[in-house]
């Protein structure tokens, strides 16, 4: 009985490692993409179709630009769940804006400056 319990615990620990395995968006098939939390059949098909049409994704912004439904927030979640682009997870240092966020902040500041001058 103890051996069965020990064997079961070892199997559980071994499978936990697979749950956090990284999946590269440029190499994965549809089943592997579906295994990432946050990617369903529709998104995995869109990723594969876009990869066939436009070639491998260069980086995270390229993935976000080419695949409808994947934006900054979902990209961060997918990366945290094990998705990579060319072996790289999405890295945004704490407190640092992504280029799109920085542009939006500048636009907002500029529009406020224009309003106060009127």
PDB file of N, CA and C in Angstrom:
ATOM      1  N   UNK A   1       0.833  -1.189   0.000  1.00  0.00           N
ATOM      2  CA  UNK A   1       0.000   0.000   0.000  1.00  0.00           C
ATOM      3  C   UNK A   1       0.878   1.254   0.000  1.00  0.00           C
ATOM      4  N   UNK A   2       1.917   1.235   0.843  1.00  0.00           N
ATOM      5  CA  UNK A   2       2.806   2.391   0.924  1.00  0.00           C
ATOM      6  C   UNK A   2       3.522   2.620  -0.406  1.00  0.00           C
ATOM      7  N   UNK A   3       3.903   1.549  -1.078  1.00  0.00           N
ATOM      8  CA  UNK A   3       4.596   1.661  -2.364  1.00  0.00           C
ATOM      9  C   UNK A   3       3.680   2.299  -3.415  1.00  0.00           C
ATOM     10  N   UNK A   4       2.395   1.924  -3.404  1.00  0.00           N
ATOM     11  CA  UNK A   4       1.444   2.497  -4.349  1.00  0.00           C
ATOM     12  C   UNK A   4       1.260   3.994  -4.091  1.00  0.00           C
ATOM     13  N   UNK A   5       1.180   4.361  -2.827  1.00  0.00           N
ATOM     14  CA  UNK A   5       1.033   5.763  -2.460  1.00  0.00           C
ATOM     15  C   UNK A   5       2.271   6.554  -2.877  1.00  0.00           C
ATOM     16  N   UNK A   6       3.425   5.993  -2.619  1.00  0.00           N
ATOM     17  CA  UNK A   6       4.679   6.640  -2.995  1.00  0.00           C
ATOM     18  C   UNK A   6       4.786   6.782  -4.520  1.00  0.00           C
ATOM     19  N   UNK A   7       4.401   5.753  -5.241  1.00  0.00           N
ATOM     20  CA  UNK A   7       4.421   5.781  -6.696  1.00  0.00           C
ATOM     21  C   UNK A   7       3.436   6.831  -7.230  1.00  0.00           C
ATOM     22  N   UNK A   8       2.277   6.913  -6.633  1.00  0.00           N
ATOM     23  CA  UNK A   8       1.276   7.907  -7.023  1.00  0.00           C
ATOM     24  C   UNK A   8       1.776   9.326  -6.787  1.00  0.00           C
ATOM     25  N   UNK A   9       2.434   9.563  -5.666  1.00  0.00           N
ATOM     26  CA  UNK A   9       2.985  10.892  -5.364  1.00  0.00           C
ATOM     27  C   UNK A   9       4.081  11.253  -6.363  1.00  0.00           C
ATOM     28  N   UNK A  10       4.927  10.284  -6.716  1.00  0.00           N
ATOM     29  CA  UNK A  10       6.001  10.531  -7.683  1.00  0.00           C
ATOM     30  C   UNK A  10       5.408  10.882  -9.047  1.00  0.00           C
ATOM     31  N   UNK A  11       4.353  10.184  -9.444  1.00  0.00           N
ATOM     32  CA  UNK A  11       3.704  10.464 -10.727  1.00  0.00           C
ATOM     33  C   UNK A  11       3.088  11.866 -10.717  1.00  0.00           C
ATOM     34  N   UNK A  12       2.481  12.241  -9.608  1.00  0.00           N
ATOM     35  CA  UNK A  12       1.878  13.569  -9.486  1.00  0.00           C
ATOM     36  C   UNK A  12       2.933  14.664  -9.606  1.00  0.00           C
ATOM     37  N   UNK A  13       4.037  14.483  -8.932  1.00  0.00           N
ATOM     38  CA  UNK A  13       5.114  15.473  -8.980  1.00  0.00           C
ATOM     39  C   UNK A  13       5.692  15.560 -10.388  1.00  0.00           C
ATOM     40  N   UNK A  14       5.842  14.431 -11.050  1.00  0.00           N
ATOM     41  CA  UNK A  14       6.382  14.423 -12.413  1.00  0.00           C
ATOM     42  C   UNK A  14       5.456  15.145 -13.382  1.00  0.00           C
ATOM     43  N   UNK A  15       4.159  14.971 -13.248  1.00  0.00           N
ATOM     44  CA  UNK A  15       3.219  15.624 -14.164  1.00  0.00           C
ATOM     45  C   UNK A  15       3.085  17.110 -13.882  1.00  0.00           C
ATOM     46  N   UNK A  16       3.379  17.549 -12.677  1.00  0.00           N
ATOM     47  CA  UNK A  16       3.322  18.973 -12.365  1.00  0.00           C
ATOM     48  C   UNK A  16       4.341  19.739 -13.204  1.00  0.00           C
ATOM     49  N   UNK A  17       5.470  19.132 -13.479  1.00  0.00           N
ATOM     50  CA  UNK A  17       6.472  19.783 -14.311  1.00  0.00           C
ATOM     51  C   UNK A  17       5.970  20.008 -15.723  1.00  0.00           C
ATOM     52  N   UNK A  18       5.152  19.103 -16.234  1.00  0.00           N
ATOM     53  CA  UNK A  18       4.612  19.255 -17.588  1.00  0.00           C
ATOM     54  C   UNK A  18       3.595  20.379 -17.654  1.00  0.00           C
ATOM     55  N   UNK A  19       2.909  20.655 -16.570  1.00  0.00           N
ATOM     56  CA  UNK A  19       1.895  21.704 -16.557  1.00  0.00           C
ATOM     57  C   UNK A  19       2.522  23.077 -16.765  1.00  0.00           C
ATOM     58  N   UNK A  20       3.786  23.234 -16.403  1.00  0.00           N
ATOM     59  CA  UNK A  20       4.441  24.533 -16.512  1.00  0.00           C
ATOM     60  C   UNK A  20       5.479  24.555 -17.633  1.00  0.00           C
ATOM     61  N   UNK A  21       5.412  23.591 -18.535  1.00  0.00           N
ATOM     62  CA  UNK A  21       6.366  23.530 -19.640  1.00  0.00           C
ATOM     63  C   UNK A  21       6.126  24.702 -20.591  1.00  0.00           C
ATOM     64  N   UNK A  22       7.198  25.220 -21.145  1.00  0.00           N
ATOM     65  CA  UNK A  22       7.076  26.320 -22.088  1.00  0.00           C
ATOM     66  C   UNK A  22       6.699  25.792 -23.471  1.00  0.00           C
ATOM     67  N   UNK A  23       5.890  26.565 -24.166  1.00  0.00           N
ATOM     68  CA  UNK A  23       5.445  26.219 -25.510  1.00  0.00           C
ATOM     69  C   UNK A  23       5.800  27.393 -26.410  1.00  0.00           C
ATOM     70  N   UNK A  24       6.623  27.138 -27.430  1.00  0.00           N
ATOM     71  CA  UNK A  24       7.016  28.200 -28.353  1.00  0.00           C
ATOM     72  C   UNK A  24       5.955  28.332 -29.445  1.00  0.00           C
ATOM     73  N   UNK A  25       5.471  29.542 -29.627  1.00  0.00           N
ATOM     74  CA  UNK A  25       4.394  29.818 -30.573  1.00  0.00           C
ATOM     75  C   UNK A  25       4.794  29.487 -32.017  1.00  0.00           C
ATOM     76  N   UNK A  26       6.086  29.512 -32.317  1.00  0.00           N
ATOM     77  CA  UNK A  26       6.553  29.228 -33.671  1.00  0.00           C
ATOM     78  C   UNK A  26       6.758  27.750 -33.951  1.00  0.00           C
ATOM     79  N   UNK A  27       6.764  26.923 -32.921  1.00  0.00           N
ATOM     80  CA  UNK A  27       7.031  25.494 -33.096  1.00  0.00           C
ATOM     81  C   UNK A  27       5.847  24.609 -32.724  1.00  0.00           C
ATOM     82  N   UNK A  28       4.924  25.144 -31.968  1.00  0.00           N
ATOM     83  CA  UNK A  28       3.838  24.336 -31.401  1.00  0.00           C
ATOM     84  C   UNK A  28       2.762  24.010 -32.427  1.00  0.00           C
ATOM     85  N   UNK A  29       2.173  22.818 -32.270  1.00  0.00           N
ATOM     86  CA  UNK A  29       1.006  22.473 -33.069  1.00  0.00           C
ATOM     87  C   UNK A  29      -0.234  22.962 -32.328  1.00  0.00           C
ATOM     88  N   UNK A  30      -1.395  22.745 -32.921  1.00  0.00           N
ATOM     89  CA  UNK A  30      -2.625  23.264 -32.336  1.00  0.00           C
ATOM     90  C   UNK A  30      -2.901  22.664 -30.958  1.00  0.00           C
ATOM     91  N   UNK A  31      -2.621  21.394 -30.781  1.00  0.00           N
ATOM     92  CA  UNK A  31      -2.868  20.752 -29.482  1.00  0.00           C
ATOM     93  C   UNK A  31      -1.991  21.357 -28.395  1.00  0.00           C
ATOM     94  N   UNK A  32      -0.734  21.629 -28.715  1.00  0.00           N
ATOM     95  CA  UNK A  32       0.171  22.227 -27.723  1.00  0.00           C
ATOM     96  C   UNK A  32      -0.281  23.639 -27.368  1.00  0.00           C
ATOM     97  N   UNK A  33      -0.719  24.410 -28.368  1.00  0.00           N
ATOM     98  CA  UNK A  33      -1.208  25.761 -28.095  1.00  0.00           C
ATOM     99  C   UNK A  33      -2.476  25.715 -27.247  1.00  0.00           C
ATOM    100  N   UNK A  34      -3.371  24.758 -27.546  1.00  0.00           N
ATOM    101  CA  UNK A  34      -4.596  24.605 -26.756  1.00  0.00           C
ATOM    102  C   UNK A  34      -4.289  24.263 -25.299  1.00  0.00           C
ATOM    103  N   UNK A  35      -3.127  23.690 -25.051  1.00  0.00           N
ATOM    104  CA  UNK A  35      -2.734  23.324 -23.698  1.00  0.00           C
ATOM    105  C   UNK A  35      -2.343  24.513 -22.839  1.00  0.00           C
ATOM    106  N   UNK A  36      -2.150  25.671 -23.442  1.00  0.00           N
ATOM    107  CA  UNK A  36      -1.816  26.882 -22.702  1.00  0.00           C
ATOM    108  C   UNK A  36      -3.107  27.500 -22.175  1.00  0.00           C
ATOM    109  N   UNK A  37      -3.143  27.751 -20.882  1.00  0.00           N
ATOM    110  CA  UNK A  37      -4.324  28.376 -20.280  1.00  0.00           C
ATOM    111  C   UNK A  37      -4.524  29.752 -20.906  1.00  0.00           C
ATOM    112  N   UNK A  38      -5.708  29.987 -21.442  1.00  0.00           N
ATOM    113  CA  UNK A  38      -6.016  31.260 -22.082  1.00  0.00           C
ATOM    114  C   UNK A  38      -6.083  31.164 -23.597  1.00  0.00           C
ATOM    115  N   UNK A  39      -5.638  30.025 -24.140  1.00  0.00           N
ATOM    116  CA  UNK A  39      -5.729  29.813 -25.587  1.00  0.00           C
ATOM    117  C   UNK A  39      -6.729  28.699 -25.839  1.00  0.00           C
ATOM    118  N   UNK A  40      -7.744  29.025 -26.611  1.00  0.00           N
ATOM    119  CA  UNK A  40      -8.730  28.022 -26.992  1.00  0.00           C
ATOM    120  C   UNK A  40      -8.548  27.644 -28.446  1.00  0.00           C
ATOM    121  N   UNK A  41      -9.430  26.802 -28.963  1.00  0.00           N
ATOM    122  CA  UNK A  41      -9.311  26.342 -30.345  1.00  0.00           C
ATOM    123  C   UNK A  41      -9.327  27.470 -31.382  1.00  0.00           C
ATOM    124  N   UNK A  42     -10.129  28.489 -31.144  1.00  0.00           N
ATOM    125  CA  UNK A  42     -10.227  29.599 -32.098  1.00  0.00           C
ATOM    126  C   UNK A  42      -8.905  30.371 -32.167  1.00  0.00           C
ATOM    127  N   UNK A  43      -8.323  30.670 -31.019  1.00  0.00           N
ATOM    128  CA  UNK A  43      -7.072  31.428 -30.986  1.00  0.00           C
ATOM    129  C   UNK A  43      -5.913  30.597 -31.508  1.00  0.00           C
ATOM    130  N   UNK A  44      -5.873  29.321 -31.141  1.00  0.00           N
ATOM    131  CA  UNK A  44      -4.772  28.478 -31.622  1.00  0.00           C
ATOM    132  C   UNK A  44      -4.830  28.342 -33.143  1.00  0.00           C
ATOM    133  N   UNK A  45      -6.036  28.254 -33.698  1.00  0.00           N
ATOM    134  CA  UNK A  45      -6.180  28.177 -35.157  1.00  0.00           C
ATOM    135  C   UNK A  45      -5.728  29.484 -35.796  1.00  0.00           C
ATOM    136  N   UNK A  46      -6.087  30.612 -35.180  1.00  0.00           N
ATOM    137  CA  UNK A  46      -5.675  31.916 -35.712  1.00  0.00           C
ATOM    138  C   UNK A  46      -4.148  32.051 -35.690  1.00  0.00           C
ATOM    139  N   UNK A  47      -3.514  31.559 -34.629  1.00  0.00           N
ATOM    140  CA  UNK A  47      -2.057  31.617 -34.527  1.00  0.00           C
ATOM    141  C   UNK A  47      -1.416  30.789 -35.631  1.00  0.00           C
ATOM    142  N   UNK A  48      -1.900  29.568 -35.813  1.00  0.00           N
ATOM    143  CA  UNK A  48      -1.316  28.677 -36.822  1.00  0.00           C
ATOM    144  C   UNK A  48      -1.561  29.219 -38.227  1.00  0.00           C
ATOM    145  N   UNK A  49      -2.770  29.716 -38.491  1.00  0.00           N
ATOM    146  CA  UNK A  49      -3.074  30.278 -39.807  1.00  0.00           C
ATOM    147  C   UNK A  49      -2.173  31.476 -40.115  1.00  0.00           C
ATOM    148  N   UNK A  50      -1.995  32.348 -39.132  1.00  0.00           N
ATOM    149  CA  UNK A  50      -1.150  33.532 -39.337  1.00  0.00           C
ATOM    150  C   UNK A  50       0.314  33.144 -39.495  1.00  0.00           C
ATOM    151  N   UNK A  51       0.744  32.131 -38.790  1.00  0.00           N
ATOM    152  CA  UNK A  51       2.122  31.652 -38.907  1.00  0.00           C
ATOM    153  C   UNK A  51       2.364  31.077 -40.306  1.00  0.00           C
ATOM    154  N   UNK A  52       1.372  30.356 -40.842  1.00  0.00           N
ATOM    155  CA  UNK A  52       1.492  29.810 -42.201  1.00  0.00           C
ATOM    156  C   UNK A  52       1.514  30.936 -43.236  1.00  0.00           C
ATOM    157  N   UNK A  53       0.686  31.952 -43.014  1.00  0.00           N
ATOM    158  CA  UNK A  53       0.544  33.048 -43.969  1.00  0.00           C
ATOM    159  C   UNK A  53       1.750  33.995 -43.948  1.00  0.00           C
ATOM    160  N   UNK A  54       2.194  34.380 -42.758  1.00  0.00           N
ATOM    161  CA  UNK A  54       3.228  35.415 -42.648  1.00  0.00           C
ATOM    162  C   UNK A  54       4.566  34.946 -42.116  1.00  0.00           C
ATOM    163  N   UNK A  55       4.716  33.651 -41.885  1.00  0.00           N
ATOM    164  CA  UNK A  55       5.983  33.142 -41.357  1.00  0.00           C
ATOM    165  C   UNK A  55       6.027  33.222 -39.838  1.00  0.00           C
ATOM    166  N   UNK A  56       7.169  32.834 -39.291  1.00  0.00           N
ATOM    167  CA  UNK A  56       7.330  32.828 -37.839  1.00  0.00           C
ATOM    168  C   UNK A  56       7.167  34.226 -37.256  1.00  0.00           C
ATOM    169  N   UNK A  57       6.726  34.258 -35.999  1.00  0.00           N
ATOM    170  CA  UNK A  57       6.594  35.519 -35.282  1.00  0.00           C
ATOM    171  C   UNK A  57       7.982  35.934 -34.798  1.00  0.00           C
ATOM    172  N   UNK A  58       8.334  37.203 -35.003  1.00  0.00           N
ATOM    173  CA  UNK A  58       9.665  37.690 -34.627  1.00  0.00           C
ATOM    174  C   UNK A  58       9.792  37.890 -33.123  1.00  0.00           C
ATOM    175  N   UNK A  59       8.730  38.456 -32.528  1.00  0.00           N
ATOM    176  CA  UNK A  59       8.764  38.781 -31.110  1.00  0.00           C
ATOM    177  C   UNK A  59       7.324  38.965 -30.620  1.00  0.00           C
ATOM    178  N   UNK A  60       7.179  39.315 -29.366  1.00  0.00           N
ATOM    179  CA  UNK A  60       5.840  39.467 -28.783  1.00  0.00           C
ATOM    180  C   UNK A  60       5.017  40.553 -29.476  1.00  0.00           C
ATOM    181  N   UNK A  61       5.579  41.742 -29.748  1.00  0.00           N
ATOM    182  CA  UNK A  61       4.774  42.750 -30.451  1.00  0.00           C
ATOM    183  C   UNK A  61       4.286  42.266 -31.818  1.00  0.00           C
ATOM    184  N   UNK A  62       5.101  41.468 -32.507  1.00  0.00           N
ATOM    185  CA  UNK A  62       4.698  40.916 -33.804  1.00  0.00           C
ATOM    186  C   UNK A  62       3.503  39.977 -33.626  1.00  0.00           C
ATOM    187  N   UNK A  63       3.530  39.150 -32.596  1.00  0.00           N
ATOM    188  CA  UNK A  63       2.401  38.251 -32.301  1.00  0.00           C
ATOM    189  C   UNK A  63       1.143  39.056 -31.993  1.00  0.00           C
ATOM    190  N   UNK A  64       1.282  40.081 -31.152  1.00  0.00           N
ATOM    191  CA  UNK A  64       0.144  40.920 -30.775  1.00  0.00           C
ATOM    192  C   UNK A  64      -0.447  41.632 -31.995  1.00  0.00           C
ATOM    193  N   UNK A  65       0.409  42.063 -32.894  1.00  0.00           N
ATOM    194  CA  UNK A  65      -0.030  42.802 -34.082  1.00  0.00           C
ATOM    195  C   UNK A  65      -0.754  41.897 -35.083  1.00  0.00           C
ATOM    196  N   UNK A  66      -0.264  40.682 -35.246  1.00  0.00           N
ATOM    197  CA  UNK A  66      -0.772  39.802 -36.307  1.00  0.00           C
ATOM    198  C   UNK A  66      -1.935  38.911 -35.910  1.00  0.00           C
ATOM    199  N   UNK A  67      -2.103  38.627 -34.624  1.00  0.00           N
ATOM    200  CA  UNK A  67      -3.167  37.703 -34.204  1.00  0.00           C
ATOM    201  C   UNK A  67      -4.252  38.481 -33.464  1.00  0.00           C
ATOM    202  N   UNK A  68      -5.423  38.527 -34.087  1.00  0.00           N
ATOM    203  CA  UNK A  68      -6.566  39.216 -33.494  1.00  0.00           C
ATOM    204  C   UNK A  68      -6.928  38.537 -32.173  1.00  0.00           C
ATOM    205  N   UNK A  69      -7.148  39.344 -31.152  1.00  0.00           N
ATOM    206  CA  UNK A  69      -7.523  38.802 -29.844  1.00  0.00           C
ATOM    207  C   UNK A  69      -6.361  38.697 -28.873  1.00  0.00           C
ATOM    208  N   UNK A  70      -5.148  38.900 -29.364  1.00  0.00           N
ATOM    209  CA  UNK A  70      -3.995  38.901 -28.465  1.00  0.00           C
ATOM    210  C   UNK A  70      -3.464  40.324 -28.396  1.00  0.00           C
ATOM    211  N   UNK A  71      -3.648  40.923 -27.235  1.00  0.00           N
ATOM    212  CA  UNK A  71      -3.159  42.277 -26.984  1.00  0.00           C
ATOM    213  C   UNK A  71      -2.154  42.240 -25.846  1.00  0.00           C
ATOM    214  N   UNK A  72      -1.842  43.400 -25.308  1.00  0.00           N
ATOM    215  CA  UNK A  72      -0.839  43.490 -24.250  1.00  0.00           C
ATOM    216  C   UNK A  72      -1.212  42.664 -23.024  1.00  0.00           C
ATOM    217  N   UNK A  73      -2.449  42.809 -22.571  1.00  0.00           N
ATOM    218  CA  UNK A  73      -2.867  42.106 -21.351  1.00  0.00           C
ATOM    219  C   UNK A  73      -2.896  40.597 -21.549  1.00  0.00           C
ATOM    220  N   UNK A  74      -3.479  40.161 -22.658  1.00  0.00           N
ATOM    221  CA  UNK A  74      -3.562  38.712 -22.877  1.00  0.00           C
ATOM    222  C   UNK A  74      -2.173  38.137 -23.141  1.00  0.00           C
ATOM    223  N   UNK A  75      -1.301  38.897 -23.794  1.00  0.00           N
ATOM    224  CA  UNK A  75       0.066  38.422 -24.036  1.00  0.00           C
ATOM    225  C   UNK A  75       0.789  38.196 -22.714  1.00  0.00           C
ATOM    226  N   UNK A  76       0.597  39.106 -21.773  1.00  0.00           N
ATOM    227  CA  UNK A  76       1.239  38.958 -20.460  1.00  0.00           C
ATOM    228  C   UNK A  76       0.729  37.703 -19.750  1.00  0.00           C
ATOM    229  N   UNK A  77      -0.577  37.463 -19.840  1.00  0.00           N
ATOM    230  CA  UNK A  77      -1.151  36.271 -19.209  1.00  0.00           C
ATOM    231  C   UNK A  77      -0.662  34.990 -19.887  1.00  0.00           C
ATOM    232  N   UNK A  78      -0.628  35.009 -21.221  1.00  0.00           N
ATOM    233  CA  UNK A  78      -0.186  33.822 -21.955  1.00  0.00           C
ATOM    234  C   UNK A  78       1.280  33.518 -21.649  1.00  0.00           C
ATOM    235  N   UNK A  79       2.093  34.555 -21.560  1.00  0.00           N
ATOM    236  CA  UNK A  79       3.503  34.370 -21.229  1.00  0.00           C
ATOM    237  C   UNK A  79       3.647  33.781 -19.830  1.00  0.00           C
ATOM    238  N   UNK A  80       2.863  34.285 -18.898  1.00  0.00           N
ATOM    239  CA  UNK A  80       2.907  33.759 -17.532  1.00  0.00           C
ATOM    240  C   UNK A  80       2.456  32.296 -17.486  1.00  0.00           C
ATOM    241  N   UNK A  81       1.630  31.898 -18.443  1.00  0.00           N
ATOM    242  CA  UNK A  81       1.137  30.516 -18.494  1.00  0.00           C
ATOM    243  C   UNK A  81       2.027  29.593 -19.324  1.00  0.00           C
ATOM    244  N   UNK A  82       3.167  30.121 -19.809  1.00  0.00           N
ATOM    245  CA  UNK A  82       4.137  29.259 -20.478  1.00  0.00           C
ATOM    246  C   UNK A  82       4.335  29.459 -21.961  1.00  0.00           C
ATOM    247  N   UNK A  83       3.651  30.405 -22.586  1.00  0.00           N
ATOM    248  CA  UNK A  83       3.833  30.645 -24.009  1.00  0.00           C
ATOM    249  C   UNK A  83       5.086  31.493 -24.217  1.00  0.00           C
ATOM    250  N   UNK A  84       5.878  31.147 -25.233  1.00  0.00           N
ATOM    251  CA  UNK A  84       7.062  31.927 -25.580  1.00  0.00           C
ATOM    252  C   UNK A  84       7.043  32.246 -27.069  1.00  0.00           C
ATOM    253  N   UNK A  85       7.788  33.265 -27.447  1.00  0.00           N
ATOM    254  CA  UNK A  85       8.004  33.606 -28.852  1.00  0.00           C
ATOM    255  C   UNK A  85       9.504  33.535 -29.071  1.00  0.00           C
ATOM    256  N   UNK A  86       9.929  32.616 -29.937  1.00  0.00           N
ATOM    257  CA  UNK A  86      11.352  32.373 -30.167  1.00  0.00           C
ATOM    258  C   UNK A  86      12.091  32.064 -28.868  1.00  0.00           C
ATOM    259  N   UNK A  87      11.425  31.338 -27.982  1.00  0.00           N
ATOM    260  CA  UNK A  87      12.035  30.939 -26.720  1.00  0.00           C
ATOM    261  C   UNK A  87      12.053  32.022 -25.654  1.00  0.00           C
ATOM    262  N   UNK A  88      11.482  33.184 -25.960  1.00  0.00           N
ATOM    263  CA  UNK A  88      11.498  34.300 -25.013  1.00  0.00           C
ATOM    264  C   UNK A  88      10.118  34.526 -24.414  1.00  0.00           C
ATOM    265  N   UNK A  89      10.078  34.638 -23.096  1.00  0.00           N
ATOM    266  CA  UNK A  89       8.824  35.019 -22.461  1.00  0.00           C
ATOM    267  C   UNK A  89       8.716  36.540 -22.538  1.00  0.00           C
ATOM    268  N   UNK A  90       7.522  37.044 -22.315  1.00  0.00           N
ATOM    269  CA  UNK A  90       7.297  38.492 -22.378  1.00  0.00           C
ATOM    270  C   UNK A  90       7.894  39.112 -21.137  1.00  0.00           C
ATOM    271  N   UNK A  91       8.782  40.057 -21.341  1.00  0.00           N
ATOM    272  CA  UNK A  91       9.451  40.697 -20.199  1.00  0.00           C
ATOM    273  C   UNK A  91       9.151  42.179 -20.207  1.00  0.00           C
ATOM    274  N   UNK A  92       8.470  42.624 -19.173  1.00  0.00           N
ATOM    275  CA  UNK A  92       8.273  44.047 -18.971  1.00  0.00           C
ATOM    276  C   UNK A  92       8.711  44.352 -17.547  1.00  0.00           C
ATOM    277  N   UNK A  93       9.863  44.981 -17.377  1.00  0.00           N
ATOM    278  CA  UNK A  93      10.344  45.289 -16.031  1.00  0.00           C
ATOM    279  C   UNK A  93       9.320  46.093 -15.248  1.00  0.00           C
ATOM    280  N   UNK A  94       9.282  45.876 -13.958  1.00  0.00           N
ATOM    281  CA  UNK A  94       8.312  46.560 -13.094  1.00  0.00           C
ATOM    282  C   UNK A  94       8.440  48.068 -13.241  1.00  0.00           C
ATOM    283  N   UNK A  95       7.299  48.709 -13.427  1.00  0.00           N
ATOM    284  CA  UNK A  95       7.272  50.156 -13.519  1.00  0.00           C
ATOM    285  C   UNK A  95       7.613  50.700 -14.899  1.00  0.00           C
ATOM    286  N   UNK A  96       8.022  49.860 -15.823  1.00  0.00           N
ATOM    287  CA  UNK A  96       8.386  50.324 -17.156  1.00  0.00           C
ATOM    288  C   UNK A  96       7.221  50.103 -18.102  1.00  0.00           C
ATOM    289  N   UNK A  97       6.891  51.116 -18.866  1.00  0.00           N
ATOM    290  CA  UNK A  97       5.780  51.020 -19.810  1.00  0.00           C
ATOM    291  C   UNK A  97       6.219  50.318 -21.079  1.00  0.00           C
ATOM    292  N   UNK A  98       5.279  49.632 -21.693  1.00  0.00           N
ATOM    293  CA  UNK A  98       5.537  49.097 -23.020  1.00  0.00           C
ATOM    294  C   UNK A  98       5.445  50.267 -23.992  1.00  0.00           C
ATOM    295  N   UNK A  99       6.001  50.171 -25.186  1.00  0.00           N
ATOM    296  CA  UNK A  99       5.955  51.296 -26.131  1.00  0.00           C
ATOM    297  C   UNK A  99       4.548  51.809 -26.402  1.00  0.00           C
ATOM    298  N   UNK A 100       3.578  50.914 -26.526  1.00  0.00           N
ATOM    299  CA  UNK A 100       2.201  51.343 -26.804  1.00  0.00           C
ATOM    300  C   UNK A 100       1.638  52.159 -25.641  1.00  0.00           C
ATOM    301  N   UNK A 101       1.932  51.740 -24.420  1.00  0.00           N
ATOM    302  CA  UNK A 101       1.449  52.485 -23.253  1.00  0.00           C
ATOM    303  C   UNK A 101       2.119  53.844 -23.166  1.00  0.00           C
ATOM    304  N   UNK A 102       3.401  53.913 -23.450  1.00  0.00           N
ATOM    305  CA  UNK A 102       4.126  55.179 -23.401  1.00  0.00           C
ATOM    306  C   UNK A 102       3.559  56.147 -24.425  1.00  0.00           C
ATOM    307  N   UNK A 103       3.264  55.671 -25.642  1.00  0.00           N
ATOM    308  CA  UNK A 103       2.684  56.514 -26.677  1.00  0.00           C
ATOM    309  C   UNK A 103       1.319  57.042 -26.252  1.00  0.00           C
ATOM    310  N   UNK A 104       0.508  56.181 -25.642  1.00  0.00           N
ATOM    311  CA  UNK A 104      -0.822  56.580 -25.191  1.00  0.00           C
ATOM    312  C   UNK A 104      -0.724  57.654 -24.110  1.00  0.00           C
ATOM    313  N   UNK A 105       0.242  57.509 -23.204  1.00  0.00           N
ATOM    314  CA  UNK A 105       0.421  58.504 -22.142  1.00  0.00           C
ATOM    315  C   UNK A 105       0.825  59.848 -22.730  1.00  0.00           C
ATOM    316  N   UNK A 106       1.730  59.825 -23.709  1.00  0.00           N
ATOM    317  CA  UNK A 106       2.176  61.064 -24.343  1.00  0.00           C
ATOM    318  C   UNK A 106       1.009  61.746 -25.059  1.00  0.00           C
ATOM    319  N   UNK A 107       0.201  60.988 -25.751  1.00  0.00           N
ATOM    320  CA  UNK A 107      -0.946  61.533 -26.464  1.00  0.00           C
ATOM    321  C   UNK A 107      -1.923  62.169 -25.477  1.00  0.00           C
ATOM    322  N   UNK A 108      -2.142  61.504 -24.359  1.00  0.00           N
ATOM    323  CA  UNK A 108      -3.057  62.016 -23.350  1.00  0.00           C
ATOM    324  C   UNK A 108      -2.516  63.316 -22.753  1.00  0.00           C
ATOM    325  N   UNK A 109      -1.204  63.357 -22.469  1.00  0.00           N
ATOM    326  CA  UNK A 109      -0.591  64.566 -21.922  1.00  0.00           C
ATOM    327  C   UNK A 109      -0.712  65.710 -22.915  1.00  0.00           C
ATOM    328  N   UNK A 110      -0.439  65.427 -24.197  1.00  0.00           N
ATOM    329  CA  UNK A 110      -0.507  66.461 -25.229  1.00  0.00           C
ATOM    330  C   UNK A 110      -1.914  67.014 -25.362  1.00  0.00           C
ATOM    331  N   UNK A 111      -2.918  66.138 -25.292  1.00  0.00           N
ATOM    332  CA  UNK A 111      -4.299  66.615 -25.426  1.00  0.00           C
ATOM    333  C   UNK A 111      -4.706  67.457 -24.228  1.00  0.00           C
ATOM    334  N   UNK A 112      -4.203  67.132 -23.042  1.00  0.00           N
ATOM    335  CA  UNK A 112      -4.511  67.934 -21.842  1.00  0.00           C
ATOM    336  C   UNK A 112      -3.849  69.296 -21.924  1.00  0.00           C
ATOM    337  N   UNK A 113      -2.614  69.353 -22.443  1.00  0.00           N
ATOM    338  CA  UNK A 113      -1.914  70.628 -22.603  1.00  0.00           C
ATOM    339  C   UNK A 113      -2.690  71.533 -23.552  1.00  0.00           C
ATOM    340  N   UNK A 114      -3.197  70.969 -24.624  1.00  0.00           N
ATOM    341  CA  UNK A 114      -3.955  71.737 -25.608  1.00  0.00           C
ATOM    342  C   UNK A 114      -5.243  72.273 -25.035  1.00  0.00           C
ATOM    343  N   UNK A 115      -5.897  71.500 -24.135  1.00  0.00           N
ATOM    344  CA  UNK A 115      -7.147  71.932 -23.532  1.00  0.00           C
ATOM    345  C   UNK A 115      -6.932  73.096 -22.565  1.00  0.00           C
ATOM    346  N   UNK A 116      -5.822  73.068 -21.806  1.00  0.00           N
ATOM    347  CA  UNK A 116      -5.607  74.094 -20.804  1.00  0.00           C
ATOM    348  C   UNK A 116      -5.215  75.427 -21.432  1.00  0.00           C
ATOM    349  N   UNK A 117      -4.699  75.409 -22.665  1.00  0.00           N
ATOM    350  CA  UNK A 117      -4.309  76.638 -23.340  1.00  0.00           C
ATOM    351  C   UNK A 117      -5.508  77.346 -23.963  1.00  0.00           C
ATOM    352  N   UNK A 118      -6.586  76.634 -24.162  1.00  0.00           N
ATOM    353  CA  UNK A 118      -7.769  77.236 -24.823  1.00  0.00           C
ATOM    354  C   UNK A 118      -8.519  78.161 -23.923  1.00  0.00           C
TER     355      UNK A 118
END
